[in-house]
Amino acid sequence: MVLVLIVLIAANYYDRLLIDNHKKLLTYWVLAFVLASLVPDESSRDRVLSINGRILLGLCFLFAVIAKLMSPIT
């Protein structure tokens, strides 16, 4: 899993000016998996993933609303 994270980070860095948002989100999600795998207790690991998923989804919607509110009215 760490190797996947390293490959994603390297690919994102290479295309950092042209990268799509979903590729960044995938990298953050894999990072959450790697960090959750460091938790020794399996039930705690599930809780860490659950919390990270909620935060990631909430931030996606929050930034989408902010971008929509900041866009000019046509």
N, C-alpha and C. Protein backbone atom coordinates (compact mmCIF):
# COMPACT_ATOMS: atom_id res chain seq x y z
N MET A 1 0.82 -1.18 0.00
CA MET A 1 0.00 0.00 0.00
C MET A 1 0.88 1.26 0.00
N VAL A 2 1.98 1.20 0.69
CA VAL A 2 2.88 2.35 0.72
C VAL A 2 3.47 2.59 -0.67
N LEU A 3 3.75 1.53 -1.39
CA LEU A 3 4.28 1.66 -2.75
C LEU A 3 3.27 2.35 -3.66
N VAL A 4 2.00 2.02 -3.51
CA VAL A 4 0.95 2.67 -4.29
C VAL A 4 0.91 4.16 -3.97
N LEU A 5 1.03 4.49 -2.68
CA LEU A 5 1.03 5.90 -2.28
C LEU A 5 2.22 6.64 -2.88
N ILE A 6 3.38 6.02 -2.87
CA ILE A 6 4.57 6.66 -3.43
C ILE A 6 4.41 6.89 -4.93
N VAL A 7 3.86 5.92 -5.63
CA VAL A 7 3.64 6.08 -7.08
C VAL A 7 2.64 7.20 -7.35
N LEU A 8 1.57 7.26 -6.55
CA LEU A 8 0.57 8.31 -6.74
C LEU A 8 1.15 9.69 -6.46
N ILE A 9 1.93 9.80 -5.41
CA ILE A 9 2.54 11.09 -5.09
C ILE A 9 3.51 11.52 -6.19
N ALA A 10 4.29 10.59 -6.68
CA ALA A 10 5.24 10.90 -7.76
C ALA A 10 4.50 11.33 -9.03
N ALA A 11 3.44 10.63 -9.37
CA ALA A 11 2.67 10.99 -10.57
C ALA A 11 1.98 12.33 -10.40
N ASN A 12 1.46 12.59 -9.21
CA ASN A 12 0.82 13.87 -8.95
C ASN A 12 1.83 15.01 -9.00
N TYR A 13 3.00 14.78 -8.49
CA TYR A 13 4.03 15.82 -8.51
C TYR A 13 4.46 16.12 -9.95
N TYR A 14 4.57 15.08 -10.74
CA TYR A 14 5.01 15.25 -12.13
C TYR A 14 4.00 16.09 -12.91
N ASP A 15 2.70 15.85 -12.70
CA ASP A 15 1.65 16.57 -13.41
C ASP A 15 0.94 17.59 -12.52
N ARG A 16 1.63 18.16 -11.56
CA ARG A 16 0.99 18.98 -10.53
C ARG A 16 0.22 20.18 -11.08
N LEU A 17 0.58 20.70 -12.24
CA LEU A 17 -0.12 21.86 -12.79
C LEU A 17 -1.33 21.48 -13.64
N LEU A 18 -1.41 20.24 -14.07
CA LEU A 18 -2.49 19.80 -14.96
C LEU A 18 -3.38 18.72 -14.36
N ILE A 19 -3.14 18.35 -13.13
CA ILE A 19 -3.80 17.19 -12.53
C ILE A 19 -5.28 17.49 -12.22
N ASP A 20 -6.11 16.49 -12.40
CA ASP A 20 -7.53 16.61 -12.07
C ASP A 20 -7.74 16.42 -10.57
N ASN A 21 -8.85 16.96 -10.08
CA ASN A 21 -9.12 16.91 -8.65
C ASN A 21 -9.31 15.48 -8.13
N HIS A 22 -9.91 14.62 -8.94
CA HIS A 22 -10.16 13.26 -8.45
C HIS A 22 -8.86 12.49 -8.22
N LYS A 23 -7.81 12.85 -8.93
CA LYS A 23 -6.52 12.19 -8.70
C LYS A 23 -5.92 12.62 -7.36
N LYS A 24 -6.11 13.88 -7.01
CA LYS A 24 -5.67 14.35 -5.70
C LYS A 24 -6.45 13.66 -4.59
N LEU A 25 -7.76 13.54 -4.78
CA LEU A 25 -8.60 12.89 -3.77
C LEU A 25 -8.23 11.43 -3.60
N LEU A 26 -7.92 10.76 -4.69
CA LEU A 26 -7.50 9.36 -4.60
C LEU A 26 -6.20 9.24 -3.80
N THR A 27 -5.29 10.17 -4.00
CA THR A 27 -4.04 10.15 -3.25
C THR A 27 -4.30 10.37 -1.76
N TYR A 28 -5.18 11.31 -1.42
CA TYR A 28 -5.51 11.54 -0.01
C TYR A 28 -6.16 10.30 0.61
N TRP A 29 -7.00 9.61 -0.16
CA TRP A 29 -7.69 8.43 0.36
C TRP A 29 -6.70 7.28 0.60
N VAL A 30 -5.75 7.10 -0.31
CA VAL A 30 -4.72 6.08 -0.13
C VAL A 30 -3.84 6.43 1.07
N LEU A 31 -3.55 7.73 1.25
CA LEU A 31 -2.81 8.16 2.43
C LEU A 31 -3.58 7.82 3.71
N ALA A 32 -4.89 8.00 3.69
CA ALA A 32 -5.71 7.63 4.85
C ALA A 32 -5.62 6.13 5.12
N PHE A 33 -5.61 5.32 4.08
CA PHE A 33 -5.48 3.87 4.24
C PHE A 33 -4.12 3.51 4.85
N VAL A 34 -3.08 4.16 4.37
CA VAL A 34 -1.74 3.88 4.89
C VAL A 34 -1.65 4.26 6.36
N LEU A 35 -2.16 5.42 6.70
CA LEU A 35 -2.12 5.85 8.10
C LEU A 35 -3.00 4.97 8.98
N ALA A 36 -4.14 4.53 8.46
CA ALA A 36 -5.02 3.65 9.24
C ALA A 36 -4.39 2.28 9.43
N SER A 37 -3.57 1.86 8.49
CA SER A 37 -2.92 0.55 8.63
C SER A 37 -1.89 0.54 9.76
N LEU A 38 -1.47 1.72 10.21
CA LEU A 38 -0.53 1.81 11.32
C LEU A 38 -1.21 1.62 12.68
N VAL A 39 -2.53 1.70 12.70
CA VAL A 39 -3.28 1.52 13.95
C VAL A 39 -3.34 0.03 14.25
N PRO A 40 -2.94 -0.40 15.45
CA PRO A 40 -2.86 -1.83 15.73
C PRO A 40 -4.22 -2.52 15.89
N ASP A 41 -5.20 -1.83 16.41
CA ASP A 41 -6.51 -2.44 16.67
C ASP A 41 -7.39 -2.32 15.43
N GLU A 42 -8.00 -3.44 15.00
CA GLU A 42 -8.77 -3.43 13.76
C GLU A 42 -10.03 -2.58 13.87
N SER A 43 -10.71 -2.59 15.00
CA SER A 43 -11.91 -1.78 15.13
C SER A 43 -11.55 -0.29 15.12
N SER A 44 -10.42 0.05 15.71
CA SER A 44 -9.96 1.44 15.66
C SER A 44 -9.58 1.83 14.24
N ARG A 45 -9.02 0.89 13.49
CA ARG A 45 -8.65 1.14 12.10
C ARG A 45 -9.89 1.47 11.27
N ASP A 46 -10.96 0.71 11.50
CA ASP A 46 -12.20 0.99 10.78
C ASP A 46 -12.75 2.36 11.15
N ARG A 47 -12.62 2.73 12.40
CA ARG A 47 -13.10 4.04 12.85
C ARG A 47 -12.27 5.16 12.21
N VAL A 48 -10.96 4.98 12.13
CA VAL A 48 -10.10 5.99 11.50
C VAL A 48 -10.48 6.17 10.04
N LEU A 49 -10.71 5.07 9.33
CA LEU A 49 -11.11 5.16 7.92
C LEU A 49 -12.47 5.82 7.78
N SER A 50 -13.38 5.50 8.67
CA SER A 50 -14.71 6.10 8.63
C SER A 50 -14.64 7.62 8.82
N ILE A 51 -13.88 8.04 9.80
CA ILE A 51 -13.74 9.47 10.07
C ILE A 51 -13.07 10.17 8.90
N ASN A 52 -12.00 9.58 8.37
CA ASN A 52 -11.31 10.20 7.23
C ASN A 52 -12.21 10.27 6.00
N GLY A 53 -13.01 9.25 5.78
CA GLY A 53 -13.93 9.28 4.64
C GLY A 53 -14.95 10.39 4.77
N ARG A 54 -15.50 10.55 5.96
CA ARG A 54 -16.47 11.62 6.19
C ARG A 54 -15.84 12.99 6.02
N ILE A 55 -14.65 13.16 6.54
CA ILE A 55 -13.97 14.45 6.41
C ILE A 55 -13.66 14.74 4.95
N LEU A 56 -13.17 13.75 4.22
CA LEU A 56 -12.83 13.94 2.81
C LEU A 56 -14.08 14.29 2.00
N LEU A 57 -15.15 13.58 2.22
CA LEU A 57 -16.39 13.85 1.49
C LEU A 57 -16.96 15.21 1.86
N GLY A 58 -16.94 15.54 3.14
CA GLY A 58 -17.45 16.83 3.58
C GLY A 58 -16.66 17.99 3.01
N LEU A 59 -15.34 17.85 2.98
CA LEU A 59 -14.52 18.92 2.41
C LEU A 59 -14.74 19.07 0.91
N CYS A 60 -14.95 17.94 0.22
CA CYS A 60 -15.24 18.01 -1.22
C CYS A 60 -16.49 18.83 -1.48
N PHE A 61 -17.55 18.53 -0.74
CA PHE A 61 -18.80 19.26 -0.93
C PHE A 61 -18.66 20.71 -0.48
N LEU A 62 -17.95 20.96 0.60
CA LEU A 62 -17.75 22.33 1.08
C LEU A 62 -17.03 23.17 0.04
N PHE A 63 -15.94 22.65 -0.52
CA PHE A 63 -15.20 23.41 -1.51
C PHE A 63 -15.98 23.55 -2.82
N ALA A 64 -16.82 22.58 -3.14
CA ALA A 64 -17.67 22.72 -4.33
C ALA A 64 -18.68 23.85 -4.14
N VAL A 65 -19.26 23.96 -2.96
CA VAL A 65 -20.21 25.04 -2.68
C VAL A 65 -19.50 26.38 -2.69
N ILE A 66 -18.31 26.46 -2.09
CA ILE A 66 -17.56 27.71 -2.09
C ILE A 66 -17.22 28.14 -3.52
N ALA A 67 -16.78 27.20 -4.33
CA ALA A 67 -16.45 27.52 -5.72
C ALA A 67 -17.68 28.00 -6.48
N LYS A 68 -18.83 27.38 -6.20
CA LYS A 68 -20.07 27.78 -6.86
C LYS A 68 -20.48 29.17 -6.43
N LEU A 69 -20.33 29.48 -5.14
CA LEU A 69 -20.72 30.80 -4.65
C LEU A 69 -19.77 31.89 -5.16
N MET A 70 -18.54 31.55 -5.41
CA MET A 70 -17.55 32.53 -5.87
C MET A 70 -17.60 32.74 -7.39
N SER A 71 -18.28 31.87 -8.10
CA SER A 71 -18.34 32.00 -9.56
C SER A 71 -19.28 33.16 -9.94
N PRO A 72 -18.97 33.82 -11.03
CA PRO A 72 -19.83 34.94 -11.44
C PRO A 72 -21.21 34.46 -11.90
N ILE A 73 -22.19 35.26 -11.62
CA ILE A 73 -23.57 34.93 -12.02
C ILE A 73 -23.74 35.29 -13.49
N THR A 74 -24.23 34.33 -14.27
CA THR A 74 -24.43 34.59 -15.70
C THR A 74 -25.87 34.54 -16.07
